[in-house]
């Protein structure tokens, strides 16, 4: 079994508005998605004691992934500056048939003072 991974672009989020982060086209040889992760990255303007939490939703007309909603890890910012990047990988088993286009949307739980960004990724079984 070979394992490979793919990462999305880092995209500005719309706080409490459902926002498209990116659409990934899965590799031709991938048999299934075996892990999914998503993360709120923060950005300029990060302030002390600002928590970031929300959900990520996946949509596809090519892959049997809908409906799939997963929580983002809550990131607690204790000081101004960059927060740690340690995404949780959710174990899944989503079969793929050739190249599939899968979109990820993120919605934050509350409005933030920071210019928040989001990113997600897949781990594949070949």
N, C-alpha and C. Protein backbone atom coordinates (compact mmCIF):
# COMPACT_ATOMS: atom_id res chain seq x y z
N UNK A 1 0.84 -1.17 0.00
CA UNK A 1 0.00 0.00 0.00
C UNK A 1 0.89 1.24 0.00
N UNK A 2 0.71 2.09 -0.98
CA UNK A 2 1.43 3.36 -1.03
C UNK A 2 0.50 4.45 -0.50
N UNK A 3 1.07 5.39 0.22
CA UNK A 3 0.28 6.49 0.77
C UNK A 3 0.85 7.80 0.24
N UNK A 4 -0.04 8.67 -0.21
CA UNK A 4 0.35 9.98 -0.72
C UNK A 4 -0.60 11.01 -0.12
N UNK A 5 -0.21 12.27 -0.19
CA UNK A 5 -1.06 13.34 0.36
C UNK A 5 -1.11 14.51 -0.59
N UNK A 6 -2.12 15.34 -0.43
CA UNK A 6 -2.32 16.52 -1.26
C UNK A 6 -2.85 17.63 -0.37
N UNK A 7 -2.40 18.87 -0.61
CA UNK A 7 -2.75 20.02 0.22
C UNK A 7 -3.38 21.10 -0.64
N UNK A 8 -4.38 21.79 -0.10
CA UNK A 8 -5.05 22.87 -0.82
C UNK A 8 -4.26 24.17 -0.76
N UNK A 9 -4.76 25.15 -1.48
CA UNK A 9 -4.25 26.51 -1.35
C UNK A 9 -4.69 27.07 0.00
N UNK A 10 -4.02 28.11 0.46
CA UNK A 10 -4.41 28.81 1.68
C UNK A 10 -5.29 29.98 1.26
N UNK A 11 -6.54 29.99 1.73
CA UNK A 11 -7.54 30.93 1.24
C UNK A 11 -8.14 31.74 2.38
N UNK A 12 -8.39 33.03 2.13
CA UNK A 12 -9.04 33.88 3.13
C UNK A 12 -10.45 33.37 3.40
N UNK A 13 -10.81 33.31 4.68
CA UNK A 13 -12.13 32.83 5.09
C UNK A 13 -13.06 34.01 5.37
N UNK A 14 -14.35 33.77 5.25
CA UNK A 14 -15.34 34.81 5.45
C UNK A 14 -16.01 34.77 6.81
N UNK A 15 -15.27 34.46 7.84
CA UNK A 15 -15.80 34.39 9.20
C UNK A 15 -17.01 33.46 9.27
N UNK A 16 -18.18 33.97 9.59
CA UNK A 16 -19.36 33.12 9.80
C UNK A 16 -20.09 32.81 8.50
N UNK A 17 -19.49 33.11 7.37
CA UNK A 17 -20.07 32.83 6.06
C UNK A 17 -19.39 31.60 5.47
N UNK A 18 -20.18 30.67 4.93
CA UNK A 18 -19.62 29.49 4.27
C UNK A 18 -18.76 29.95 3.09
N UNK A 19 -17.46 29.61 3.13
CA UNK A 19 -16.50 30.11 2.14
C UNK A 19 -15.76 28.96 1.47
N UNK A 20 -15.70 29.00 0.14
CA UNK A 20 -14.93 27.99 -0.59
C UNK A 20 -13.45 28.19 -0.32
N UNK A 21 -12.79 27.15 0.18
CA UNK A 21 -11.35 27.21 0.43
C UNK A 21 -10.61 26.84 -0.86
N UNK A 22 -10.96 25.71 -1.45
CA UNK A 22 -10.30 25.27 -2.68
C UNK A 22 -11.03 24.04 -3.19
N UNK A 23 -10.76 23.68 -4.43
CA UNK A 23 -11.24 22.43 -5.02
C UNK A 23 -10.02 21.64 -5.44
N UNK A 24 -9.91 20.42 -4.95
CA UNK A 24 -8.79 19.55 -5.27
C UNK A 24 -9.28 18.48 -6.25
N UNK A 25 -8.47 18.23 -7.28
CA UNK A 25 -8.70 17.11 -8.18
C UNK A 25 -7.82 15.97 -7.70
N UNK A 26 -8.44 14.86 -7.35
CA UNK A 26 -7.69 13.73 -6.80
C UNK A 26 -6.85 13.08 -7.90
N UNK A 27 -5.71 12.48 -7.53
CA UNK A 27 -4.85 11.82 -8.52
C UNK A 27 -5.55 10.63 -9.18
N UNK A 28 -5.20 10.38 -10.43
CA UNK A 28 -5.81 9.31 -11.21
C UNK A 28 -5.67 7.94 -10.55
N UNK A 29 -4.52 7.64 -9.96
CA UNK A 29 -4.28 6.31 -9.41
C UNK A 29 -4.75 6.08 -7.99
N UNK A 30 -5.27 7.12 -7.34
CA UNK A 30 -5.69 6.97 -5.94
C UNK A 30 -6.94 6.09 -5.85
N UNK A 31 -6.90 5.08 -4.95
CA UNK A 31 -8.04 4.19 -4.77
C UNK A 31 -9.07 4.76 -3.80
N UNK A 32 -8.56 5.45 -2.75
CA UNK A 32 -9.48 5.99 -1.75
C UNK A 32 -8.80 7.10 -0.95
N UNK A 33 -9.64 7.91 -0.32
CA UNK A 33 -9.16 8.90 0.64
C UNK A 33 -9.21 8.21 2.00
N UNK A 34 -8.08 8.18 2.70
CA UNK A 34 -8.04 7.51 4.00
C UNK A 34 -7.84 8.50 5.15
N UNK A 35 -7.67 9.77 4.83
CA UNK A 35 -7.52 10.78 5.87
C UNK A 35 -7.86 12.16 5.34
N UNK A 36 -8.48 12.98 6.17
CA UNK A 36 -8.83 14.36 5.82
C UNK A 36 -8.43 15.25 6.99
N UNK A 37 -7.85 16.41 6.68
CA UNK A 37 -7.54 17.38 7.72
C UNK A 37 -7.90 18.77 7.22
N UNK A 38 -8.20 19.65 8.14
CA UNK A 38 -8.50 21.04 7.82
C UNK A 38 -8.08 21.92 8.97
N UNK A 39 -7.72 23.15 8.67
CA UNK A 39 -7.12 24.01 9.69
C UNK A 39 -7.41 25.47 9.42
N UNK A 40 -7.69 26.20 10.45
CA UNK A 40 -7.79 27.65 10.40
C UNK A 40 -6.42 28.20 10.77
N UNK A 41 -5.81 28.94 9.85
CA UNK A 41 -4.41 29.32 10.01
C UNK A 41 -4.17 30.64 10.72
N UNK A 42 -5.16 31.46 10.91
CA UNK A 42 -4.90 32.79 11.47
C UNK A 42 -4.37 33.69 10.38
N UNK A 43 -3.75 34.78 10.76
CA UNK A 43 -3.22 35.72 9.78
C UNK A 43 -2.89 37.03 10.44
N UNK A 44 -2.64 38.08 9.65
CA UNK A 44 -2.30 39.39 10.22
C UNK A 44 -3.41 39.89 11.15
N UNK A 45 -3.04 40.47 12.25
CA UNK A 45 -4.01 41.02 13.19
C UNK A 45 -4.37 40.08 14.31
N UNK A 46 -3.68 38.96 14.43
CA UNK A 46 -3.95 37.99 15.48
C UNK A 46 -3.79 38.64 16.85
N UNK A 47 -4.79 38.51 17.69
CA UNK A 47 -4.74 39.16 19.00
C UNK A 47 -4.72 38.12 20.12
N UNK A 48 -4.36 38.57 21.29
CA UNK A 48 -4.29 37.69 22.45
C UNK A 48 -5.67 37.15 22.81
N UNK A 49 -5.73 35.91 23.19
CA UNK A 49 -6.94 35.23 23.67
C UNK A 49 -8.07 35.22 22.66
N UNK A 50 -7.75 35.02 21.42
CA UNK A 50 -8.78 34.88 20.39
C UNK A 50 -8.82 33.42 19.96
N UNK A 51 -9.97 32.79 20.14
CA UNK A 51 -10.12 31.39 19.78
C UNK A 51 -10.67 31.28 18.36
N UNK A 52 -10.19 30.29 17.64
CA UNK A 52 -10.68 30.06 16.28
C UNK A 52 -11.26 28.66 16.22
N UNK A 53 -12.53 28.55 15.85
CA UNK A 53 -13.17 27.25 15.69
C UNK A 53 -14.21 27.36 14.59
N UNK A 54 -14.58 26.23 14.03
CA UNK A 54 -15.57 26.24 12.96
C UNK A 54 -15.75 24.84 12.41
N UNK A 55 -16.34 24.77 11.22
CA UNK A 55 -16.56 23.48 10.57
C UNK A 55 -16.03 23.53 9.14
N UNK A 56 -15.73 22.35 8.60
CA UNK A 56 -15.41 22.23 7.18
C UNK A 56 -16.43 21.28 6.57
N UNK A 57 -16.84 21.61 5.36
CA UNK A 57 -17.83 20.81 4.64
C UNK A 57 -17.25 20.45 3.28
N UNK A 58 -17.53 19.24 2.82
CA UNK A 58 -17.02 18.78 1.54
C UNK A 58 -18.17 18.50 0.59
N UNK A 59 -17.97 18.88 -0.68
CA UNK A 59 -18.96 18.65 -1.72
C UNK A 59 -18.27 18.12 -2.96
N UNK A 60 -18.94 17.20 -3.65
CA UNK A 60 -18.42 16.66 -4.89
C UNK A 60 -19.54 15.99 -5.66
N UNK A 61 -19.52 16.15 -6.98
CA UNK A 61 -20.47 15.41 -7.81
C UNK A 61 -19.81 14.14 -8.35
N UNK A 62 -18.49 13.97 -8.07
CA UNK A 62 -17.72 12.83 -8.58
C UNK A 62 -17.44 11.76 -7.54
N UNK A 63 -17.36 12.13 -6.27
CA UNK A 63 -16.96 11.20 -5.21
C UNK A 63 -18.08 11.06 -4.18
N UNK A 64 -18.24 9.87 -3.58
CA UNK A 64 -19.29 9.65 -2.58
C UNK A 64 -18.90 10.25 -1.23
N UNK A 65 -18.82 11.56 -1.17
CA UNK A 65 -18.32 12.23 0.04
C UNK A 65 -19.40 13.05 0.74
N UNK A 66 -20.50 13.30 0.04
CA UNK A 66 -21.54 14.17 0.58
C UNK A 66 -22.58 13.34 1.30
N UNK A 67 -23.12 13.72 2.42
CA UNK A 67 -22.72 14.91 3.17
C UNK A 67 -21.57 14.58 4.12
N UNK A 68 -20.60 15.47 4.21
CA UNK A 68 -19.50 15.29 5.15
C UNK A 68 -19.16 16.64 5.76
N UNK A 69 -19.39 16.74 7.06
CA UNK A 69 -19.02 17.92 7.83
C UNK A 69 -18.16 17.46 9.00
N UNK A 70 -17.05 18.16 9.21
CA UNK A 70 -16.15 17.85 10.30
C UNK A 70 -15.78 19.13 11.04
N UNK A 71 -15.59 19.06 12.35
CA UNK A 71 -15.19 20.26 13.08
C UNK A 71 -13.72 20.57 12.86
N UNK A 72 -13.40 21.85 12.82
CA UNK A 72 -12.00 22.28 12.84
C UNK A 72 -11.55 22.20 14.29
N UNK A 73 -10.29 21.90 14.52
CA UNK A 73 -9.76 21.94 15.88
C UNK A 73 -9.84 23.38 16.39
N UNK A 74 -10.19 23.53 17.65
CA UNK A 74 -10.20 24.85 18.26
C UNK A 74 -8.75 25.29 18.48
N UNK A 75 -8.41 26.45 17.98
CA UNK A 75 -7.06 26.99 18.15
C UNK A 75 -7.16 28.14 19.14
N UNK A 76 -6.48 28.03 20.26
CA UNK A 76 -6.48 29.08 21.28
C UNK A 76 -5.19 29.87 21.12
N UNK A 77 -5.34 31.17 20.91
CA UNK A 77 -4.18 32.04 20.73
C UNK A 77 -3.91 32.73 22.06
N UNK A 78 -2.77 32.47 22.64
CA UNK A 78 -2.45 33.03 23.95
C UNK A 78 -1.63 34.32 23.87
N UNK A 79 -0.95 34.52 22.77
CA UNK A 79 -0.17 35.74 22.58
C UNK A 79 -0.31 36.19 21.13
N UNK A 80 0.02 37.42 20.86
CA UNK A 80 -0.01 37.90 19.49
C UNK A 80 1.05 37.17 18.68
N UNK A 81 0.74 36.84 17.46
CA UNK A 81 1.71 36.16 16.61
C UNK A 81 1.14 34.90 16.00
N UNK A 82 2.00 34.04 15.58
CA UNK A 82 1.60 32.83 14.85
C UNK A 82 1.21 31.73 15.83
N UNK A 83 0.16 30.99 15.49
CA UNK A 83 -0.24 29.85 16.32
C UNK A 83 0.37 28.57 15.73
N UNK A 84 0.40 27.52 16.51
CA UNK A 84 0.99 26.25 16.08
C UNK A 84 0.14 25.60 15.01
N UNK A 85 0.77 24.92 14.08
CA UNK A 85 0.08 24.20 13.03
C UNK A 85 0.19 22.71 13.34
N UNK A 86 -0.89 22.15 13.85
CA UNK A 86 -0.90 20.72 14.18
C UNK A 86 -2.28 20.15 13.89
N UNK A 87 -2.60 19.98 12.60
CA UNK A 87 -3.94 19.53 12.24
C UNK A 87 -4.21 18.09 12.66
N UNK A 88 -5.46 17.83 12.98
CA UNK A 88 -5.93 16.47 13.28
C UNK A 88 -6.31 15.81 11.96
N UNK A 89 -5.84 14.61 11.74
CA UNK A 89 -6.22 13.88 10.53
C UNK A 89 -7.38 12.96 10.89
N UNK A 90 -8.52 13.21 10.24
CA UNK A 90 -9.71 12.39 10.48
C UNK A 90 -9.61 11.13 9.62
N UNK A 91 -9.67 9.94 10.23
CA UNK A 91 -9.62 8.71 9.44
C UNK A 91 -10.95 8.49 8.72
N UNK A 92 -10.89 8.27 7.42
CA UNK A 92 -12.08 8.01 6.61
C UNK A 92 -11.74 6.91 5.60
N UNK A 93 -12.73 6.42 4.91
CA UNK A 93 -12.52 5.47 3.81
C UNK A 93 -13.50 5.84 2.72
N UNK A 94 -13.07 6.74 1.83
CA UNK A 94 -13.92 7.24 0.76
C UNK A 94 -13.38 6.72 -0.57
N UNK A 95 -14.08 5.79 -1.22
CA UNK A 95 -13.59 5.24 -2.48
C UNK A 95 -13.58 6.29 -3.59
N UNK A 96 -12.57 6.19 -4.45
CA UNK A 96 -12.45 7.10 -5.58
C UNK A 96 -12.46 6.30 -6.87
N UNK A 97 -13.03 6.88 -7.90
CA UNK A 97 -13.04 6.25 -9.22
C UNK A 97 -12.42 7.20 -10.23
N UNK A 98 -11.12 7.13 -10.39
CA UNK A 98 -10.45 8.06 -11.30
C UNK A 98 -10.29 9.42 -10.64
N UNK A 99 -10.15 10.44 -11.45
CA UNK A 99 -9.97 11.78 -10.91
C UNK A 99 -11.32 12.36 -10.49
N UNK A 100 -11.40 12.80 -9.25
CA UNK A 100 -12.62 13.39 -8.70
C UNK A 100 -12.31 14.81 -8.25
N UNK A 101 -13.25 15.70 -8.45
CA UNK A 101 -13.10 17.08 -7.97
C UNK A 101 -13.88 17.20 -6.65
N UNK A 102 -13.17 17.59 -5.59
CA UNK A 102 -13.78 17.70 -4.27
C UNK A 102 -13.52 19.10 -3.74
N UNK A 103 -14.59 19.79 -3.37
CA UNK A 103 -14.50 21.15 -2.85
C UNK A 103 -14.65 21.14 -1.34
N UNK A 104 -13.90 22.02 -0.68
CA UNK A 104 -14.01 22.18 0.77
C UNK A 104 -14.44 23.61 1.08
N UNK A 105 -15.42 23.71 1.94
CA UNK A 105 -15.90 25.00 2.43
C UNK A 105 -15.66 25.06 3.93
N UNK A 106 -15.35 26.24 4.44
CA UNK A 106 -15.19 26.42 5.89
C UNK A 106 -16.08 27.56 6.36
N UNK A 107 -16.66 27.36 7.55
CA UNK A 107 -17.46 28.37 8.20
C UNK A 107 -16.97 28.48 9.63
N UNK A 108 -16.57 29.67 10.03
CA UNK A 108 -16.09 29.88 11.39
C UNK A 108 -17.28 30.07 12.33
N UNK A 109 -17.08 29.77 13.60
CA UNK A 109 -18.16 29.87 14.58
C UNK A 109 -18.47 31.30 15.00
N UNK A 110 -17.49 32.19 14.85
CA UNK A 110 -17.73 33.59 15.24
C UNK A 110 -16.87 34.51 14.38
N UNK A 111 -17.24 35.77 14.33
CA UNK A 111 -16.45 36.76 13.60
C UNK A 111 -15.12 36.95 14.34
N UNK A 112 -14.06 37.18 13.57
CA UNK A 112 -12.73 37.30 14.14
C UNK A 112 -12.11 38.65 13.75
N UNK A 113 -11.20 39.14 14.58
CA UNK A 113 -10.50 40.38 14.25
C UNK A 113 -9.33 40.11 13.31
N UNK A 114 -8.96 38.86 13.17
CA UNK A 114 -7.82 38.46 12.38
C UNK A 114 -8.23 38.22 10.92
N UNK A 115 -7.30 38.42 10.01
CA UNK A 115 -7.53 38.08 8.60
C UNK A 115 -7.32 36.58 8.46
N UNK A 116 -8.33 35.82 8.82
CA UNK A 116 -8.24 34.36 8.95
C UNK A 116 -8.12 33.68 7.59
N UNK A 117 -7.34 32.60 7.54
CA UNK A 117 -7.21 31.79 6.34
C UNK A 117 -7.47 30.33 6.69
N UNK A 118 -7.81 29.54 5.69
CA UNK A 118 -8.04 28.12 5.90
C UNK A 118 -7.30 27.29 4.88
N UNK A 119 -7.04 26.04 5.25
CA UNK A 119 -6.35 25.10 4.37
C UNK A 119 -6.82 23.69 4.74
N UNK A 120 -6.83 22.77 3.78
CA UNK A 120 -7.21 21.39 4.05
C UNK A 120 -6.36 20.45 3.19
N UNK A 121 -6.48 19.16 3.46
CA UNK A 121 -5.73 18.21 2.67
C UNK A 121 -6.31 16.80 2.79
N UNK A 122 -5.88 15.96 1.88
CA UNK A 122 -6.30 14.57 1.84
C UNK A 122 -5.08 13.65 1.91
N UNK A 123 -5.27 12.47 2.52
CA UNK A 123 -4.28 11.40 2.48
C UNK A 123 -4.91 10.27 1.68
N UNK A 124 -4.17 9.77 0.69
CA UNK A 124 -4.70 8.77 -0.24
C UNK A 124 -4.06 7.40 -0.05
N UNK A 125 -4.83 6.37 -0.41
CA UNK A 125 -4.33 5.02 -0.51
C UNK A 125 -4.25 4.71 -2.03
N UNK A 126 -3.13 4.16 -2.45
CA UNK A 126 -2.93 3.80 -3.87
C UNK A 126 -2.95 2.31 -4.03
